[in-house]
N, C-alpha and C. Protein backbone atom coordinates (compact mmCIF):
# COMPACT_ATOMS: atom_id res chain seq x y z
N MET A 1 16.76 -13.44 45.49
CA MET A 1 17.94 -12.77 44.97
C MET A 1 17.55 -11.84 43.82
N SER A 2 18.17 -10.71 43.80
CA SER A 2 17.88 -9.76 42.73
C SER A 2 18.92 -9.88 41.64
N ASN A 3 18.49 -9.56 40.46
CA ASN A 3 19.41 -9.59 39.32
C ASN A 3 20.25 -8.33 39.32
N PRO A 4 21.51 -8.44 38.89
CA PRO A 4 22.34 -7.23 38.80
C PRO A 4 21.79 -6.32 37.71
N PRO A 5 21.98 -5.02 37.88
CA PRO A 5 21.48 -4.09 36.84
C PRO A 5 22.21 -4.34 35.53
N PRO A 6 21.53 -4.08 34.43
CA PRO A 6 22.20 -4.28 33.13
C PRO A 6 23.37 -3.32 32.99
N SER A 7 24.40 -3.79 32.30
CA SER A 7 25.56 -2.93 32.10
C SER A 7 25.21 -1.86 31.07
N PRO A 8 25.80 -0.67 31.22
CA PRO A 8 25.52 0.39 30.24
C PRO A 8 26.10 0.01 28.87
N PRO A 9 25.51 0.58 27.81
CA PRO A 9 26.03 0.26 26.47
C PRO A 9 27.47 0.76 26.31
N THR A 10 28.19 0.10 25.44
CA THR A 10 29.57 0.51 25.15
C THR A 10 29.55 1.67 24.16
N LEU A 11 30.67 2.35 24.04
CA LEU A 11 30.79 3.42 23.05
C LEU A 11 30.56 2.87 21.65
N GLN A 12 31.08 1.70 21.39
CA GLN A 12 30.91 1.10 20.06
C GLN A 12 29.43 0.84 19.77
N GLU A 13 28.68 0.36 20.75
CA GLU A 13 27.25 0.11 20.57
C GLU A 13 26.50 1.42 20.31
N LEU A 14 26.83 2.45 21.07
CA LEU A 14 26.18 3.75 20.89
C LEU A 14 26.50 4.34 19.53
N ARG A 15 27.75 4.19 19.10
CA ARG A 15 28.14 4.71 17.78
C ARG A 15 27.42 3.97 16.67
N LYS A 16 27.20 2.67 16.83
CA LYS A 16 26.44 1.91 15.84
C LYS A 16 25.01 2.42 15.76
N GLU A 17 24.43 2.76 16.90
CA GLU A 17 23.08 3.32 16.91
C GLU A 17 23.05 4.65 16.16
N ILE A 18 24.04 5.49 16.42
CA ILE A 18 24.12 6.79 15.73
C ILE A 18 24.28 6.58 14.23
N ASP A 19 25.15 5.66 13.84
CA ASP A 19 25.36 5.37 12.42
C ASP A 19 24.06 4.91 11.75
N ALA A 20 23.30 4.08 12.45
CA ALA A 20 22.02 3.60 11.89
C ALA A 20 21.04 4.76 11.72
N ILE A 21 21.00 5.66 12.68
CA ILE A 21 20.12 6.83 12.57
C ILE A 21 20.57 7.73 11.43
N ASP A 22 21.88 7.96 11.32
CA ASP A 22 22.40 8.78 10.22
C ASP A 22 22.02 8.20 8.87
N GLU A 23 22.09 6.88 8.75
CA GLU A 23 21.71 6.24 7.49
C GLU A 23 20.22 6.45 7.22
N GLN A 24 19.40 6.32 8.25
CA GLN A 24 17.95 6.54 8.09
C GLN A 24 17.66 7.97 7.66
N VAL A 25 18.33 8.93 8.29
CA VAL A 25 18.13 10.34 7.94
C VAL A 25 18.49 10.57 6.47
N HIS A 26 19.62 10.00 6.05
CA HIS A 26 20.07 10.16 4.67
C HIS A 26 19.06 9.55 3.70
N ARG A 27 18.61 8.33 4.02
CA ARG A 27 17.62 7.67 3.15
C ARG A 27 16.32 8.48 3.07
N LEU A 28 15.90 9.03 4.20
CA LEU A 28 14.67 9.85 4.20
C LEU A 28 14.85 11.12 3.38
N LEU A 29 16.03 11.74 3.46
CA LEU A 29 16.28 12.94 2.65
C LEU A 29 16.26 12.60 1.15
N MET A 30 16.84 11.44 0.80
CA MET A 30 16.80 11.03 -0.60
C MET A 30 15.37 10.75 -1.04
N ALA A 31 14.58 10.12 -0.16
CA ALA A 31 13.17 9.86 -0.47
C ALA A 31 12.41 11.17 -0.63
N ARG A 32 12.73 12.15 0.22
CA ARG A 32 12.11 13.48 0.11
C ARG A 32 12.43 14.10 -1.24
N GLY A 33 13.68 13.95 -1.67
CA GLY A 33 14.08 14.47 -2.98
C GLY A 33 13.32 13.81 -4.11
N ASP A 34 13.11 12.51 -4.00
CA ASP A 34 12.34 11.80 -5.03
C ASP A 34 10.91 12.34 -5.11
N ILE A 35 10.31 12.59 -3.95
CA ILE A 35 8.95 13.13 -3.92
C ILE A 35 8.93 14.54 -4.49
N ILE A 36 9.94 15.34 -4.16
CA ILE A 36 10.02 16.70 -4.71
C ILE A 36 10.10 16.65 -6.23
N ASP A 37 10.88 15.70 -6.78
CA ASP A 37 10.96 15.55 -8.24
C ASP A 37 9.57 15.30 -8.82
N ARG A 38 8.81 14.43 -8.19
CA ARG A 38 7.45 14.13 -8.67
C ARG A 38 6.55 15.35 -8.52
N LEU A 39 6.69 16.06 -7.42
CA LEU A 39 5.89 17.26 -7.18
C LEU A 39 6.17 18.31 -8.25
N ILE A 40 7.44 18.48 -8.60
CA ILE A 40 7.81 19.45 -9.64
C ILE A 40 7.14 19.08 -10.96
N GLN A 41 7.13 17.79 -11.30
CA GLN A 41 6.50 17.36 -12.55
C GLN A 41 5.00 17.65 -12.54
N VAL A 42 4.35 17.42 -11.41
CA VAL A 42 2.91 17.71 -11.30
C VAL A 42 2.67 19.20 -11.42
N LYS A 43 3.49 20.00 -10.73
CA LYS A 43 3.30 21.45 -10.78
C LYS A 43 3.50 22.01 -12.18
N LYS A 44 4.39 21.40 -12.94
CA LYS A 44 4.61 21.87 -14.31
C LYS A 44 3.36 21.73 -15.16
N THR A 45 2.52 20.78 -14.82
CA THR A 45 1.32 20.56 -15.62
C THR A 45 0.10 21.29 -15.06
N GLN A 46 0.17 21.75 -13.80
CA GLN A 46 -1.02 22.29 -13.17
C GLN A 46 -0.92 23.73 -12.70
N GLU A 47 0.25 24.20 -12.37
CA GLU A 47 0.36 25.51 -11.74
C GLU A 47 1.42 26.36 -12.43
N VAL A 48 1.25 27.65 -12.25
CA VAL A 48 2.25 28.60 -12.69
C VAL A 48 2.65 29.39 -11.46
N GLY A 49 3.93 29.68 -11.33
CA GLY A 49 4.37 30.46 -10.18
C GLY A 49 5.55 29.82 -9.49
N SER A 50 5.91 30.42 -8.41
CA SER A 50 7.08 30.00 -7.66
C SER A 50 6.83 28.71 -6.89
N ALA A 51 7.89 27.93 -6.73
CA ALA A 51 7.81 26.74 -5.88
C ALA A 51 7.81 27.14 -4.41
N PHE A 52 8.28 28.34 -4.12
CA PHE A 52 8.35 28.83 -2.74
C PHE A 52 6.96 29.22 -2.26
N ARG A 53 6.55 28.65 -1.16
CA ARG A 53 5.25 28.94 -0.55
C ARG A 53 5.48 29.35 0.90
N PRO A 54 5.57 30.65 1.16
CA PRO A 54 5.88 31.12 2.52
C PRO A 54 4.93 30.59 3.59
N ALA A 55 3.65 30.50 3.29
CA ALA A 55 2.69 30.02 4.29
C ALA A 55 2.95 28.55 4.62
N ARG A 56 3.30 27.76 3.63
CA ARG A 56 3.61 26.34 3.88
C ARG A 56 4.88 26.21 4.71
N GLU A 57 5.89 26.99 4.38
CA GLU A 57 7.13 26.95 5.16
C GLU A 57 6.85 27.35 6.62
N ALA A 58 6.08 28.39 6.81
CA ALA A 58 5.75 28.84 8.17
C ALA A 58 5.01 27.75 8.93
N SER A 59 4.08 27.08 8.27
CA SER A 59 3.34 26.00 8.91
C SER A 59 4.27 24.85 9.29
N MET A 60 5.19 24.49 8.39
CA MET A 60 6.15 23.43 8.68
C MET A 60 7.01 23.78 9.88
N MET A 61 7.43 25.04 9.96
CA MET A 61 8.30 25.46 11.06
C MET A 61 7.53 25.47 12.39
N ARG A 62 6.26 25.86 12.36
CA ARG A 62 5.45 25.82 13.59
C ARG A 62 5.32 24.38 14.09
N GLU A 63 5.08 23.45 13.18
CA GLU A 63 4.96 22.04 13.56
C GLU A 63 6.27 21.51 14.12
N LEU A 64 7.36 21.93 13.52
CA LEU A 64 8.69 21.53 13.99
C LEU A 64 8.90 22.00 15.44
N VAL A 65 8.56 23.24 15.71
CA VAL A 65 8.73 23.80 17.06
C VAL A 65 7.86 23.03 18.06
N GLN A 66 6.65 22.69 17.67
CA GLN A 66 5.73 21.99 18.58
C GLN A 66 6.22 20.59 18.93
N ARG A 67 6.83 19.88 18.00
CA ARG A 67 7.23 18.50 18.29
C ARG A 67 8.67 18.38 18.80
N HIS A 68 9.43 19.46 18.76
CA HIS A 68 10.84 19.37 19.14
C HIS A 68 11.02 19.07 20.63
N ARG A 69 11.99 18.22 20.90
CA ARG A 69 12.39 17.92 22.27
C ARG A 69 13.85 17.47 22.22
N GLY A 70 14.47 17.36 23.36
CA GLY A 70 15.82 16.84 23.42
C GLY A 70 16.87 17.92 23.60
N ILE A 71 18.13 17.50 23.54
CA ILE A 71 19.24 18.41 23.86
C ILE A 71 19.68 19.28 22.69
N LEU A 72 19.27 18.93 21.47
CA LEU A 72 19.67 19.74 20.32
C LEU A 72 18.90 21.05 20.35
N PRO A 73 19.61 22.18 20.34
CA PRO A 73 18.91 23.47 20.45
C PRO A 73 17.92 23.68 19.29
N LEU A 74 16.78 24.27 19.63
CA LEU A 74 15.75 24.52 18.64
C LEU A 74 16.26 25.37 17.48
N ASP A 75 17.08 26.37 17.76
CA ASP A 75 17.56 27.21 16.65
C ASP A 75 18.44 26.41 15.69
N THR A 76 19.13 25.39 16.19
CA THR A 76 19.93 24.53 15.31
C THR A 76 19.01 23.72 14.41
N ILE A 77 17.98 23.14 14.99
CA ILE A 77 17.00 22.37 14.21
C ILE A 77 16.34 23.26 13.16
N GLU A 78 15.96 24.48 13.57
CA GLU A 78 15.33 25.40 12.62
C GLU A 78 16.28 25.70 11.46
N GLY A 79 17.56 25.89 11.76
CA GLY A 79 18.54 26.16 10.71
C GLY A 79 18.69 24.99 9.75
N ILE A 80 18.73 23.78 10.29
CA ILE A 80 18.84 22.58 9.45
C ILE A 80 17.63 22.50 8.53
N TRP A 81 16.43 22.69 9.08
CA TRP A 81 15.22 22.61 8.27
C TRP A 81 15.16 23.70 7.22
N ARG A 82 15.63 24.89 7.55
CA ARG A 82 15.62 25.97 6.56
C ARG A 82 16.54 25.61 5.38
N VAL A 83 17.67 24.98 5.66
CA VAL A 83 18.57 24.54 4.59
C VAL A 83 17.88 23.47 3.74
N ILE A 84 17.24 22.50 4.40
CA ILE A 84 16.54 21.45 3.67
C ILE A 84 15.45 22.05 2.79
N ILE A 85 14.64 22.90 3.37
CA ILE A 85 13.52 23.50 2.62
C ILE A 85 14.05 24.33 1.45
N SER A 86 15.04 25.18 1.70
CA SER A 86 15.53 26.04 0.62
C SER A 86 16.23 25.23 -0.46
N THR A 87 16.94 24.18 -0.09
CA THR A 87 17.62 23.34 -1.08
C THR A 87 16.61 22.68 -2.00
N PHE A 88 15.58 22.10 -1.43
CA PHE A 88 14.59 21.41 -2.24
C PHE A 88 13.67 22.38 -2.98
N THR A 89 13.54 23.61 -2.50
CA THR A 89 12.71 24.60 -3.18
C THR A 89 13.37 25.09 -4.46
N TYR A 90 14.69 25.17 -4.44
CA TYR A 90 15.40 25.76 -5.57
C TYR A 90 16.17 24.75 -6.39
N VAL A 91 15.74 23.48 -6.33
CA VAL A 91 16.40 22.43 -7.12
C VAL A 91 16.16 22.67 -8.59
């Protein structure tokens, strides 16, 4: 006898998964901000100049394009990352 196929997840279960991912994303963004604060303190003691590094941003965007997959359009992801990068650059 074969086992019946597993039932698909409920909407509530899927929403809980999304909520957990949203929480992780938020926590990671806050952790990124903490690291940026530390980076700013180090740069104040070692470097002079802008926090904006076009070559670093370009490299980050290339890596993003290479690893991207899924249904979310690449241009949407690029826009989200540009907001994240610019926000943390001009804090």
